[in-house]
Protein backbone atom coordinates (compact mmCIF):
# COMPACT_ATOMS: atom_id res chain seq x y z
CA UNK A 1 -57.76 9.03 -18.87
CA UNK A 2 -57.63 5.27 -19.79
CA UNK A 3 -55.45 6.10 -22.81
CA UNK A 4 -52.98 8.31 -20.82
CA UNK A 5 -52.71 5.70 -18.23
CA UNK A 6 -51.76 3.12 -20.65
CA UNK A 7 -49.03 5.15 -22.19
CA UNK A 8 -47.51 5.66 -19.03
CA UNK A 9 -47.51 2.02 -18.17
CA UNK A 10 -46.06 1.48 -21.64
CA UNK A 11 -43.30 4.06 -21.01
CA UNK A 12 -42.48 2.64 -17.48
CA UNK A 13 -42.35 -0.88 -19.07
CA UNK A 14 -40.02 0.35 -21.64
CA UNK A 15 -37.68 1.85 -18.82
CA UNK A 16 -37.79 -1.52 -16.97
CA UNK A 17 -36.85 -3.37 -20.24
CA UNK A 18 -34.09 -1.04 -21.66
CA UNK A 19 -33.24 1.24 -18.73
CA UNK A 20 -32.36 -1.39 -16.05
CA UNK A 21 -30.06 -3.46 -18.03
CA UNK A 22 -28.29 -0.51 -19.53
CA UNK A 23 -27.80 0.91 -16.14
CA UNK A 24 -26.30 -2.64 -14.89
CA UNK A 25 -24.21 -2.65 -18.19
CA UNK A 26 -22.71 0.44 -17.46
CA UNK A 27 -21.72 -0.41 -13.97
CA UNK A 28 -20.15 -3.56 -15.01
CA UNK A 29 -18.36 -1.61 -17.60
CA UNK A 30 -16.75 0.35 -14.78
CA UNK A 31 -16.06 -2.62 -12.69
CA UNK A 32 -14.31 -4.54 -15.57
CA UNK A 33 -12.01 -1.58 -16.06
CA UNK A 34 -11.15 -0.88 -12.25
CA UNK A 35 -7.94 -1.61 -10.71
CA UNK A 36 -9.67 -4.36 -8.56
CA UNK A 37 -10.63 -6.33 -11.54
CA UNK A 38 -7.80 -5.42 -13.97
CA UNK A 39 -4.76 -5.81 -11.49
CA UNK A 40 -3.18 -3.51 -13.86
CA UNK A 41 -1.15 -1.61 -10.91
CA UNK A 42 0.68 -4.60 -10.39
CA UNK A 43 1.22 -5.65 -13.73
CA UNK A 44 2.24 -2.07 -14.85
CA UNK A 45 5.21 -1.57 -12.37
CA UNK A 46 6.22 -5.37 -12.59
CA UNK A 47 6.61 -5.12 -16.37
CA UNK A 48 8.18 -1.68 -16.58
CA UNK A 49 11.55 -1.44 -17.71
CA UNK A 50 13.29 -1.36 -14.29
CA UNK A 51 10.69 -3.56 -12.97
CA UNK A 52 11.05 -7.25 -11.71
CA UNK A 53 10.31 -9.03 -15.00
CA UNK A 54 13.67 -7.72 -16.21
CA UNK A 55 15.22 -10.37 -13.72
CA UNK A 56 12.35 -13.02 -13.95
CA UNK A 57 11.84 -13.00 -17.50
CA UNK A 58 8.31 -14.16 -16.50
CA UNK A 59 5.27 -12.04 -17.95
CA UNK A 60 2.79 -10.84 -15.34
CA UNK A 61 -0.12 -13.23 -17.09
CA UNK A 62 1.94 -16.02 -16.30
CA UNK A 63 2.39 -15.43 -12.41
CA UNK A 64 -0.09 -16.42 -10.02
CA UNK A 65 -0.31 -12.95 -8.79
CA UNK A 66 -2.98 -12.26 -11.42
CA UNK A 67 -5.30 -14.87 -9.75
CA UNK A 68 -5.60 -12.51 -6.58
CA UNK A 69 -7.60 -9.87 -8.33
CA UNK A 70 -11.52 -9.53 -8.20
CA UNK A 71 -12.88 -11.62 -11.04
CA UNK A 72 -16.76 -10.72 -10.21
CA UNK A 73 -19.01 -9.12 -8.09
CA UNK A 74 -19.33 -12.60 -6.47
CA UNK A 75 -15.83 -12.09 -4.77
CA UNK A 76 -17.09 -9.46 -2.48
CA UNK A 77 -20.95 -9.44 -2.51
CA UNK A 78 -21.95 -13.11 -2.41
CA UNK A 79 -23.02 -14.42 0.97
CA UNK A 80 -23.94 -17.86 2.30
CA UNK A 81 -27.16 -17.84 4.45
CA UNK A 82 -29.35 -20.51 5.86
CA UNK A 83 -31.78 -19.72 2.91
CA UNK A 84 -28.79 -20.12 0.38
CA UNK A 85 -26.56 -17.80 -1.49
CA UNK A 86 -27.59 -14.13 -1.44
CA UNK A 87 -26.08 -10.83 -2.75
CA UNK A 88 -25.14 -8.56 0.15
CA UNK A 89 -23.94 -4.89 0.16
CA UNK A 90 -23.45 -5.69 3.98
CA UNK A 91 -20.62 -8.34 3.62
CA UNK A 92 -18.97 -6.15 0.85
CA UNK A 93 -18.60 -3.49 3.24
CA UNK A 94 -16.85 -5.57 5.90
CA UNK A 95 -13.12 -5.00 6.43
CA UNK A 96 -12.86 -8.85 6.71
CA UNK A 97 -13.80 -8.96 2.91
CA UNK A 98 -11.11 -6.69 1.98
CA UNK A 99 -8.40 -8.31 4.22
CA UNK A 100 -9.07 -11.59 2.29
CA UNK A 101 -7.20 -9.98 -0.58
CA UNK A 102 -5.17 -7.16 1.02
CA UNK A 103 -2.98 -9.35 2.69
CA UNK A 104 -0.24 -6.96 3.96
CA UNK A 105 -2.94 -4.83 5.56
CA UNK A 106 -4.08 -7.93 7.30
CA UNK A 107 -0.57 -8.53 8.38
CA UNK A 108 -0.37 -5.23 9.69
CA UNK A 109 -3.60 -5.41 11.64
CA UNK A 110 -2.34 -8.95 13.52
CA UNK A 111 0.95 -7.32 14.16
CA UNK A 112 -0.50 -4.52 15.80
CA UNK A 113 -2.88 -6.39 17.89
CA UNK A 114 -0.20 -8.85 18.98
CA UNK A 115 2.04 -6.02 20.06
CA UNK A 116 -0.91 -3.94 21.44
CA UNK A 117 -0.06 -0.65 19.40
CA UNK A 118 -3.36 -0.67 17.46
CA UNK A 119 -3.82 2.32 15.17
CA UNK A 120 -6.26 4.94 15.90
CA UNK A 121 -8.64 4.09 13.13
CA UNK A 122 -8.46 0.40 14.16
CA UNK A 123 -8.96 1.04 17.78
CA UNK A 124 -12.28 2.99 16.93
CA UNK A 125 -13.45 -0.14 14.98
CA UNK A 126 -13.64 1.81 11.57
CA UNK A 127 -14.02 -0.20 8.50
CA UNK A 128 -12.44 0.22 5.14
CA UNK A 129 -15.22 1.68 3.57
CA UNK A 130 -15.62 4.39 6.12
CA UNK A 131 -12.84 6.16 4.19
CA UNK A 132 -12.84 4.43 0.82
CA UNK A 133 -15.52 5.29 -1.89
CA UNK A 134 -17.45 3.14 -3.99
CA UNK A 135 -15.86 4.45 -7.13
CA UNK A 136 -12.56 3.39 -5.66
CA UNK A 137 -13.79 -0.26 -5.46
CA UNK A 138 -15.97 -0.46 -8.61
CA UNK A 139 -14.09 1.93 -10.72
CA UNK A 140 -15.23 4.91 -12.78
CA UNK A 141 -15.01 3.42 -16.42
CA UNK A 142 -11.29 4.58 -16.78
CA UNK A 143 -8.51 2.32 -16.87
CA UNK A 144 -5.66 3.36 -14.36
CA UNK A 145 -2.07 2.05 -14.50
CA UNK A 146 -1.90 2.81 -10.54
CA UNK A 147 -3.98 3.61 -7.55
CA UNK A 148 -1.79 6.76 -7.39
CA UNK A 149 -2.56 7.98 -10.88
CA UNK A 150 -4.53 11.25 -10.93
CA UNK A 151 -8.29 10.55 -10.43
CA UNK A 152 -7.98 6.90 -9.44
CA UNK A 153 -8.63 7.74 -5.49
CA UNK A 154 -10.88 9.86 -3.50
CA UNK A 155 -9.67 9.07 0.03
CA UNK A 156 -7.88 11.69 2.16
CA UNK A 157 -7.36 12.60 5.60
CA UNK A 158 -8.82 15.78 4.75
CA UNK A 159 -12.02 14.31 3.90
CA UNK A 160 -13.02 13.94 7.25
CA UNK A 161 -10.68 16.06 9.72
CA UNK A 162 -11.68 19.38 8.69
CA UNK A 163 -13.88 20.27 11.57
CA UNK A 164 -14.58 19.06 14.93
CA UNK A 165 -17.51 16.29 15.04
CA UNK A 166 -18.50 13.71 17.70
CA UNK A 167 -17.02 11.17 15.44
CA UNK A 168 -13.43 12.74 14.45
CA UNK A 169 -11.58 16.00 15.43
CA UNK A 170 -10.37 18.65 12.95
CA UNK A 171 -6.85 19.28 12.20
CA UNK A 172 -5.35 21.41 15.35
CA UNK A 173 -3.50 24.53 14.46
CA UNK A 174 -0.17 23.12 15.90
CA UNK A 175 3.17 24.19 14.93
CA UNK A 176 4.11 21.31 13.34
CA UNK A 177 1.17 21.28 11.12
CA UNK A 178 2.01 24.88 10.22
CA UNK A 179 5.78 24.38 9.41
CA UNK A 180 5.01 21.38 7.51
CA UNK A 181 1.86 22.25 5.65
CA UNK A 182 2.18 21.51 1.86
CA UNK A 183 5.72 19.88 2.51
CA UNK A 184 4.65 16.75 4.42
CA UNK A 185 1.72 14.28 3.78
CA UNK A 186 -0.20 13.38 7.09
CA UNK A 187 1.14 10.07 6.63
CA UNK A 188 4.74 11.08 7.33
CA UNK A 189 4.12 11.88 10.77
CA UNK A 190 1.14 9.79 11.74
CA UNK A 191 1.87 6.12 10.09
CA UNK A 192 3.55 3.94 12.88
CA UNK A 193 5.82 1.80 10.60
CA UNK A 194 6.20 0.27 7.05
CA UNK A 195 5.21 -3.24 6.37
CA UNK A 196 6.89 -5.35 4.32
CA UNK A 197 7.66 -9.42 3.38
CA UNK A 198 11.15 -9.12 3.29
CA UNK A 199 13.33 -10.81 0.72
CA UNK A 200 10.93 -12.68 -1.52
CA UNK A 201 13.10 -15.18 -3.32
CA UNK A 202 11.80 -16.02 -6.88
CA UNK A 203 13.44 -19.32 -7.04
CA UNK A 204 12.19 -20.58 -3.60
CA UNK A 205 8.60 -19.49 -4.83
CA UNK A 206 9.05 -21.31 -8.22
CA UNK A 207 10.27 -24.38 -6.11
CA UNK A 208 7.73 -24.71 -3.28
CA UNK A 209 5.01 -22.86 -4.91
CA UNK A 210 4.41 -21.27 -1.43
CA UNK A 211 4.39 -17.52 -0.84
CA UNK A 212 4.98 -17.83 3.03
CA UNK A 213 8.04 -19.95 2.50
CA UNK A 214 9.46 -17.76 -0.17
CA UNK A 215 10.24 -14.73 2.05
CA UNK A 216 12.40 -14.48 4.97
CA UNK A 217 10.21 -12.53 7.34
CA UNK A 218 7.66 -9.88 7.82
CA UNK A 219 9.07 -6.57 9.10
CA UNK A 220 7.52 -3.61 10.67
CA UNK A 221 10.36 -2.07 12.78
CA UNK A 222 11.09 1.11 10.30
CA UNK A 223 9.26 3.75 8.45
CA UNK A 224 10.52 4.49 5.18
CA UNK A 225 9.86 8.03 3.99
CA UNK A 226 9.88 8.80 0.32
CA UNK A 227 8.39 11.76 -1.83
CA UNK A 228 5.32 11.70 -3.99
CA UNK A 229 4.69 14.82 -6.14
CA UNK A 230 7.51 16.72 -4.16
CA UNK A 231 5.84 15.93 -0.94
CA UNK A 232 7.49 13.75 1.86
CA UNK A 233 5.05 10.80 2.94
CA UNK A 234 5.25 7.26 4.12
CA UNK A 235 6.45 4.40 2.26
CA UNK A 236 7.62 0.87 1.84
CA UNK A 237 10.02 -1.21 0.09
CA UNK A 238 10.09 -4.83 -1.15
CA UNK A 239 13.62 -6.98 -1.90
CA UNK A 240 13.25 -9.55 -4.05
CA UNK A 241 15.82 -12.13 -5.35
CA UNK A 242 15.84 -13.90 -8.95
CA UNK A 243 16.28 -17.46 -9.44
CA UNK A 244 20.06 -17.09 -9.60
CA UNK A 245 20.34 -14.68 -6.67
CA UNK A 246 19.94 -11.58 -8.71
CA UNK A 247 19.28 -8.70 -6.18
CA UNK A 248 16.09 -6.36 -6.58
CA UNK A 249 14.74 -3.55 -4.64
CA UNK A 250 11.47 -1.58 -5.07
CA UNK A 251 10.58 1.45 -3.12
CA UNK A 252 6.98 2.73 -3.21
CA UNK A 253 4.83 5.38 -1.51
CA UNK A 254 2.55 3.31 0.83
CA UNK A 255 -0.08 4.20 3.46
CA UNK A 256 0.44 1.21 6.10
CA UNK A 257 -3.01 1.67 8.02
CA UNK A 258 -1.50 1.82 11.10
CA UNK A 259 -2.32 5.25 12.45
CA UNK A 260 -0.94 7.18 15.33
CA UNK A 261 -3.25 9.91 17.27
CA UNK A 262 -0.31 11.69 18.11
CA UNK A 263 2.38 12.52 15.40
CA UNK A 264 5.94 12.06 15.55
CA UNK A 265 8.26 14.41 17.63
CA UNK A 266 10.74 16.57 15.51
CA UNK A 267 13.53 14.63 17.15
CA UNK A 268 12.36 11.38 15.73
CA UNK A 269 13.26 12.52 12.34
CA UNK A 270 15.51 15.55 12.41
CA UNK A 271 19.27 14.64 13.19
CA UNK A 272 18.73 10.87 13.77
CA UNK A 273 21.57 8.25 12.83
CA UNK A 274 19.83 7.33 9.55
CA UNK A 275 19.60 11.05 8.20
CA UNK A 276 22.97 11.98 9.30
CA UNK A 277 24.52 8.90 7.85
CA UNK A 278 22.79 9.60 4.48
CA UNK A 279 23.37 13.28 4.47
CA UNK A 280 26.94 12.62 4.76
CA UNK A 281 26.75 10.60 1.43
CA UNK A 282 27.54 7.46 3.27
CA UNK A 283 26.17 3.87 3.09
CA UNK A 284 23.40 3.10 5.64
CA UNK A 285 22.46 -0.58 6.31
CA UNK A 286 19.13 -0.64 7.55
CA UNK A 287 19.37 -4.50 8.91
CA UNK A 288 21.81 -6.82 9.87
CA UNK A 289 21.73 -10.58 10.00
CA UNK A 290 22.50 -11.66 13.47
CA UNK A 291 22.22 -15.15 15.42
CA UNK A 292 20.40 -16.74 12.43
CA UNK A 293 17.89 -13.66 11.86
CA UNK A 294 17.52 -10.22 10.50
CA UNK A 295 17.47 -7.21 12.80
CA UNK A 296 16.10 -3.96 11.47
CA UNK A 297 17.07 -0.48 12.19
CA UNK A 298 14.06 1.22 14.41
CA UNK A 299 13.11 4.63 13.23
CA UNK A 300 12.76 6.58 9.97
CA UNK A 301 14.71 5.98 6.88
CA UNK A 302 14.52 8.54 4.20
CA UNK A 303 14.68 6.74 0.66
CA UNK A 304 18.34 7.54 -0.94
CA UNK A 305 18.43 4.43 -3.03
CA UNK A 306 22.18 4.58 -4.07
CA UNK A 307 23.05 4.72 -0.04
CA UNK A 308 20.76 1.98 1.05
CA UNK A 309 22.34 -1.30 1.77
CA UNK A 310 19.79 -4.04 2.25
CA UNK A 311 20.88 -7.56 2.91
CA UNK A 312 19.78 -10.11 0.53
CA UNK A 313 19.15 -13.86 1.62
CA UNK A 314 19.00 -17.28 -0.03
CA UNK A 315 17.78 -20.63 1.25
CA UNK A 316 20.00 -23.36 2.36
CA UNK A 317 17.77 -26.04 3.40
CA UNK A 318 15.16 -24.51 5.72
CA UNK A 319 17.36 -21.82 6.99
CA UNK A 320 17.75 -18.40 5.62
CA UNK A 321 21.34 -17.05 5.09
CA UNK A 322 22.77 -13.99 3.84
CA UNK A 323 24.66 -13.80 0.55
CA UNK A 324 26.82 -11.12 -1.36
CA UNK A 325 25.25 -10.24 -4.62
CA UNK A 326 27.65 -10.72 -7.55
CA UNK A 327 25.87 -7.38 -9.38
CA UNK A 328 24.50 -4.13 -7.91
CA UNK A 329 20.73 -4.59 -7.28
CA UNK A 330 18.19 -3.27 -9.71
CA UNK A 331 16.49 -0.51 -8.04
CA UNK A 332 12.93 0.59 -9.02
CA UNK A 333 11.41 3.90 -7.82
CA UNK A 334 7.83 2.63 -8.45
CA UNK A 335 4.25 3.89 -7.94
CA UNK A 336 5.77 7.61 -8.82
CA UNK A 337 7.97 7.56 -5.90
CA UNK A 338 10.78 9.92 -5.77
CA UNK A 339 14.05 9.73 -3.45
CA UNK A 340 15.32 12.44 -1.11
CA UNK A 341 17.70 14.90 -2.51
CA UNK A 342 20.80 16.22 -1.00
CA UNK A 343 19.17 19.36 -0.02
CA UNK A 344 16.13 17.63 1.59
CA UNK A 345 18.75 15.63 3.77
CA UNK A 346 20.44 18.82 4.63
CA UNK A 347 17.40 20.33 6.01
CA UNK A 348 16.43 17.05 7.79
CA UNK A 349 20.10 16.64 9.29
CA UNK A 350 19.44 19.71 11.49
CA UNK A 351 18.30 18.45 14.91
CA UNK A 352 15.19 20.28 16.32
CA UNK A 353 13.61 19.66 19.75
CA UNK A 354 9.73 19.33 19.52
CA UNK A 355 8.12 22.17 21.02
CA UNK A 356 4.15 23.12 20.68
């Protein structure tokens, strides 16, 4: 009996000595290949053939952007207490920890609070980790070039909204859900607006070393609609300007975490001014510079890159002023974004009245 006990003790000791560190090493291996650590999603699209590096000429690793990504577990888990520094899973699950880096979502939250239009999830005090998985944060050992690459993300509306519970409802069997099933992502109807830091000027950034001073304004007035894997979804855009005023526009699928409980009405997408203009193959200008500031179109804007005319600005002293680019903007459909086709616009041009 004594020998048997000694053998078990010896075996457990081996597990502690060799099993524990191996498991930790595996976890670390997942993390160092994760998008949070590598920042590969930003680098991949920035350095793509049609990415902004074609204008800037500066490799991603020479940009300050690379410093925004998580270097170690400390960035999310380290917490200062009265007893000293400790590792905490609680602080890592806090949305405030996520929003330290995810500045666009932080800007969205502040905008919604200021304008009293908080999204349904924020109003319910949900945290990021209520929807996102540990695998998405820590990685799974694979190197992904984008968060929208197959396998990189687990989060989906239907992970929760499949049946009625005390915390969230099932998807109702409405006419709009039936008609749009398989054609539209939930985001297309339930995301309030796109969020963008408009007109980021690389020359101003290089001169001032200040991100807030390098773009004209934060805009959240319109909703861009793009296609992703053939399905219509919410998106956003980024206009950038090179040192010598070279224009650039990037369109991406994007989930602004600003969710409406009730979806859009049919007439808010079908037969609108923007849709009719684009369906007629005419140029649509989503923003105008008036009285020293930009005023944006309010409503949905289907992405047809060749027909969208975004204004570009340069800084004169402390004032942003529009300029006419000498060349056509370099346009990038990034993160697997797809434009609307003439057939898509033809269907969207038909004015439909909301009836359930």
